Amino acid sequence: MLNLDIASFMVELKDGALKNVGPSNKSATAKLFDVTSAEAREFGDKRVKFVFEDDEGNEVQVALFPKEAKRIADDIEALEADSRVFED
């Protein structure tokens, strides 16, 4: 399930084209639940891309610099040691 929360968002649909309306103060949050596939791969010369997809075909991609990706890997390692999430 993909959940989008878009604040201060307004567009104009005219002749099949979307056009931004109003100031450029928009922000958004995307959440993807019930992920059925996830992968990490190289992205360009300097980033790691994480790709998450659910069984409905919704997809979220996140590109991180290696330092940020390593921090996520360290967080997962800490969870494996200290969290009941990884209990068998």
Protein backbone atom coordinates (compact mmCIF):
# COMPACT_ATOMS: atom_id res chain seq x y z
CA MET A 1 0.00 0.00 0.00
CA LEU A 2 1.39 3.38 -1.01
CA ASN A 3 0.47 6.36 1.15
CA LEU A 4 1.19 9.89 -0.12
CA ASP A 5 0.77 12.96 2.07
CA ILE A 6 1.23 16.11 0.01
CA ALA A 7 1.03 19.51 1.70
CA SER A 8 0.14 22.79 -0.03
CA PHE A 9 -0.24 20.94 -3.31
CA MET A 10 -2.24 22.37 -6.16
CA VAL A 11 -1.88 21.69 -9.87
CA GLU A 12 -3.81 22.72 -12.92
CA LEU A 13 -4.79 20.14 -15.51
CA LYS A 14 -5.11 21.74 -18.93
CA ASP A 15 -5.07 19.96 -22.28
CA GLY A 16 -3.71 16.81 -20.64
CA ALA A 17 -0.75 18.56 -18.99
CA LEU A 18 -0.13 19.22 -15.30
CA LYS A 19 1.05 22.68 -14.31
CA ASN A 20 2.17 23.85 -10.88
CA VAL A 21 -0.23 26.39 -9.37
CA GLY A 22 0.71 28.65 -6.48
CA PRO A 23 3.94 29.06 -4.54
CA SER A 24 6.74 26.49 -4.47
CA ASN A 25 6.34 25.66 -0.78
CA LYS A 26 5.05 22.14 -1.35
CA SER A 27 6.27 19.14 0.63
CA ALA A 28 5.46 15.44 0.55
CA THR A 29 5.85 12.22 2.49
CA ALA A 30 5.69 8.81 0.84
CA LYS A 31 5.21 5.57 2.77
CA LEU A 32 5.17 2.08 1.29
CA PHE A 33 3.75 -0.73 3.42
CA ASP A 34 3.68 -4.49 2.83
CA VAL A 35 6.88 -4.47 0.77
CA THR A 36 7.30 -7.72 -1.16
CA SER A 37 10.67 -7.00 -2.78
CA ALA A 38 13.65 -4.86 -1.85
CA GLU A 39 17.07 -4.46 -3.37
CA ALA A 40 20.14 -2.26 -3.23
CA ARG A 41 22.26 -1.48 -6.29
CA GLU A 42 24.75 1.04 -7.63
CA PHE A 43 23.32 4.34 -8.81
CA GLY A 44 25.60 6.50 -10.88
CA ASP A 45 29.19 6.79 -9.73
CA LYS A 46 28.66 7.65 -6.09
CA ARG A 47 25.35 6.43 -4.72
CA VAL A 48 23.51 3.34 -3.59
CA LYS A 49 19.91 3.02 -4.76
CA PHE A 50 17.38 1.16 -2.64
CA VAL A 51 14.27 -0.02 -4.49
CA PHE A 52 11.17 -1.20 -2.62
CA GLU A 53 8.03 -2.62 -4.27
CA ASP A 54 4.72 -3.99 -3.01
CA ASP A 55 2.52 -6.63 -4.62
CA GLU A 56 0.34 -3.93 -6.20
CA GLY A 57 3.26 -2.62 -8.29
CA ASN A 58 3.83 0.51 -6.19
CA GLU A 59 7.52 1.37 -5.99
CA VAL A 60 9.69 3.70 -3.94
CA GLN A 61 13.32 4.41 -4.84
CA VAL A 62 15.83 6.09 -2.55
CA ALA A 63 19.38 7.03 -3.56
CA LEU A 64 21.90 7.49 -0.74
CA PHE A 65 25.57 8.32 -0.59
CA PRO A 66 27.63 5.37 0.73
CA LYS A 67 28.09 6.97 4.17
CA GLU A 68 24.30 7.21 4.61
CA ALA A 69 23.77 3.66 3.30
CA LYS A 70 26.40 2.35 5.74
CA ARG A 71 24.59 4.13 8.59
CA ILE A 72 21.38 2.27 7.63
CA ALA A 73 23.30 -1.03 7.53
CA ASP A 74 24.72 -0.27 10.99
CA ASP A 75 21.21 0.50 12.29
CA ILE A 76 19.99 -2.87 11.01
CA GLU A 77 22.93 -4.63 12.61
CA ALA A 78 22.12 -2.96 15.94
CA LEU A 79 18.48 -4.03 15.61
CA GLU A 80 19.59 -7.61 14.98
CA ALA A 81 21.50 -7.55 18.26
CA ASP A 82 19.02 -5.66 20.45
CA SER A 83 15.51 -5.80 18.99
CA ARG A 84 12.77 -8.39 19.21
CA VAL A 85 12.06 -7.66 15.53
CA PHE A 86 14.79 -10.16 14.60
CA GLU A 87 13.90 -12.84 17.14
CA ASP A 88 13.18 -16.23 15.61
